[in-house]
Protein backbone atom coordinates (compact mmCIF):
# COMPACT_ATOMS: atom_id res chain seq x y z
CA MET A 1 -28.23 -22.84 -10.81
CA ALA A 2 -28.85 -21.77 -14.38
CA LYS A 3 -28.07 -23.73 -17.53
CA ILE A 4 -25.95 -21.48 -19.73
CA LEU A 5 -24.52 -22.04 -23.20
CA LEU A 6 -21.35 -20.07 -23.98
CA ALA A 7 -20.35 -19.92 -27.64
CA GLU A 8 -16.94 -18.26 -27.94
CA ASP A 9 -14.14 -19.16 -30.33
CA GLU A 10 -11.32 -17.65 -28.26
CA GLU A 11 -10.29 -20.51 -25.98
CA VAL A 12 -8.66 -18.41 -23.24
CA LEU A 13 -11.66 -16.10 -22.97
CA ARG A 14 -14.04 -19.07 -23.02
CA MET A 15 -12.12 -20.75 -20.19
CA LEU A 16 -12.11 -17.54 -18.14
CA VAL A 17 -15.87 -17.03 -18.52
CA VAL A 18 -16.64 -20.70 -17.83
CA ASP A 19 -14.54 -20.65 -14.66
CA THR A 20 -16.24 -17.46 -13.48
CA LEU A 21 -19.75 -18.76 -14.14
CA GLU A 22 -19.09 -22.18 -12.64
CA ASP A 23 -17.72 -20.46 -9.52
CA GLU A 24 -21.13 -18.73 -9.33
CA GLY A 25 -22.78 -22.17 -9.38
CA HIS A 26 -24.00 -22.27 -12.98
CA ASP A 27 -24.01 -25.27 -15.30
CA VAL A 28 -22.08 -24.07 -18.37
CA THR A 29 -21.89 -25.80 -21.75
CA GLU A 30 -19.10 -24.64 -24.07
CA ALA A 31 -19.24 -24.27 -27.85
CA GLU A 32 -16.25 -23.28 -29.98
CA ASN A 33 -18.27 -21.94 -32.91
CA GLY A 34 -21.77 -21.16 -34.09
CA GLU A 35 -22.37 -24.58 -35.61
CA GLU A 36 -21.52 -26.35 -32.37
CA ALA A 37 -23.72 -23.88 -30.47
CA LEU A 38 -26.69 -24.72 -32.69
CA GLU A 39 -26.18 -28.45 -32.12
CA PHE A 40 -26.30 -27.92 -28.34
CA ILE A 41 -29.36 -25.65 -28.68
CA LYS A 42 -31.21 -28.37 -30.62
CA GLU A 43 -30.32 -31.01 -28.01
CA ARG A 44 -31.24 -29.20 -24.78
CA ASP A 45 -32.78 -26.15 -23.19
CA PHE A 46 -30.79 -23.28 -21.71
CA ASP A 47 -31.77 -20.44 -19.40
CA LEU A 48 -29.33 -18.14 -21.20
CA ILE A 49 -27.22 -18.30 -24.35
CA ILE A 50 -24.08 -16.19 -24.53
CA LEU A 51 -22.81 -15.72 -28.09
CA ASP A 52 -19.70 -14.17 -29.52
CA TYR A 53 -20.59 -11.92 -32.46
CA MET A 54 -17.75 -13.08 -34.74
CA MET A 55 -17.29 -16.86 -34.73
CA PRO A 56 -16.34 -19.41 -37.35
CA VAL A 57 -18.96 -21.36 -39.32
CA PHE A 58 -21.95 -19.31 -38.06
CA THR A 59 -21.70 -15.84 -36.54
CA GLY A 60 -23.61 -14.95 -33.40
CA LEU A 61 -26.16 -13.15 -35.58
CA GLU A 62 -26.67 -16.25 -37.72
CA VAL A 63 -27.16 -18.35 -34.60
CA ILE A 64 -29.82 -15.90 -33.35
CA GLN A 65 -31.59 -16.03 -36.72
CA GLN A 66 -31.72 -19.82 -36.62
CA LEU A 67 -32.76 -19.78 -32.96
CA LYS A 68 -35.75 -17.59 -33.83
CA GLU A 69 -36.91 -20.27 -36.30
CA MET A 70 -37.06 -22.89 -33.52
CA LYS A 71 -40.52 -22.43 -32.02
CA ASP A 72 -39.64 -24.00 -28.68
CA LYS A 73 -36.36 -22.04 -28.35
CA ARG A 74 -37.15 -18.59 -29.74
CA HIS A 75 -37.83 -17.05 -26.33
CA THR A 76 -34.49 -18.10 -24.84
CA LYS A 77 -32.60 -15.05 -23.63
CA VAL A 78 -29.45 -14.21 -25.58
CA LEU A 79 -26.49 -12.08 -24.50
CA MET A 80 -24.15 -11.07 -27.33
CA LEU A 81 -20.47 -10.43 -26.64
CA SER A 82 -18.61 -8.40 -29.23
CA ALA A 83 -15.55 -6.32 -29.93
CA LYS A 84 -17.75 -4.67 -32.59
CA ASN A 85 -19.16 -2.10 -30.22
CA GLN A 86 -20.25 0.75 -32.45
CA ALA A 87 -23.85 1.91 -32.02
CA ALA A 88 -24.79 0.43 -35.42
CA ASP A 89 -23.39 -2.96 -34.40
CA GLN A 90 -25.28 -2.90 -31.11
CA SER A 91 -28.49 -1.97 -32.91
CA ARG A 92 -28.01 -4.79 -35.42
CA VAL A 93 -27.54 -7.29 -32.58
CA LEU A 94 -30.61 -6.12 -30.66
CA GLU A 95 -32.75 -5.97 -33.82
CA ALA A 96 -31.68 -9.53 -34.67
CA GLY A 97 -33.14 -10.72 -31.39
CA ALA A 98 -30.46 -10.60 -28.71
CA ALA A 99 -31.88 -9.23 -25.50
CA TYR A 100 -28.53 -7.97 -24.23
CA PHE A 101 -25.19 -6.74 -25.55
CA MET A 102 -21.81 -6.55 -23.80
CA SER A 103 -18.70 -5.05 -25.37
CA LYS A 104 -15.31 -6.76 -25.34
CA PRO A 105 -13.05 -6.46 -23.50
CA PHE A 106 -15.06 -6.92 -20.32
CA SER A 107 -14.51 -7.88 -16.73
CA PRO A 108 -15.57 -11.48 -16.06
CA LEU A 109 -16.98 -10.35 -12.71
CA LEU A 110 -19.02 -7.64 -14.42
CA LEU A 111 -20.28 -10.26 -16.87
CA ALA A 112 -21.27 -12.50 -13.94
CA GLU A 113 -23.16 -9.61 -12.35
CA ARG A 114 -24.95 -8.87 -15.63
CA ILE A 115 -25.89 -12.52 -16.02
CA GLU A 116 -27.37 -12.58 -12.51
CA GLU A 117 -29.48 -9.52 -13.43
CA ILE A 118 -30.66 -11.24 -16.63
CA LEU A 119 -31.53 -14.46 -14.81
CA ASP A 120 -33.37 -12.56 -12.06
CA GLU A 121 -35.65 -11.06 -14.75
CA GLN A 122 -37.06 -14.50 -15.54
């Protein structure tokens, strides 16, 4: 069982992903925006952080930038979800420090498979 933080401002999508990941046996913490995600990140450790690119308060990129400044958290794996799926956007995300990128829309089952691959790398 992995500890996963999901930061996604779209409630329906967040619920769908949480249900899928919990069905796979993971412990999922939900954040509605980047600010809330950062508060959870400061409070506890996660095996994986899943961030939406475009969120209120702090974007996924801004969360990654702040995460990199936290010495004890900077090596946490990050998967970015985004409807901004042009090559330049993907490059920006990966250069910022996300280890993985997944375009929206996506299949929740495909996301679950990708997460298992990421977690198996650890």
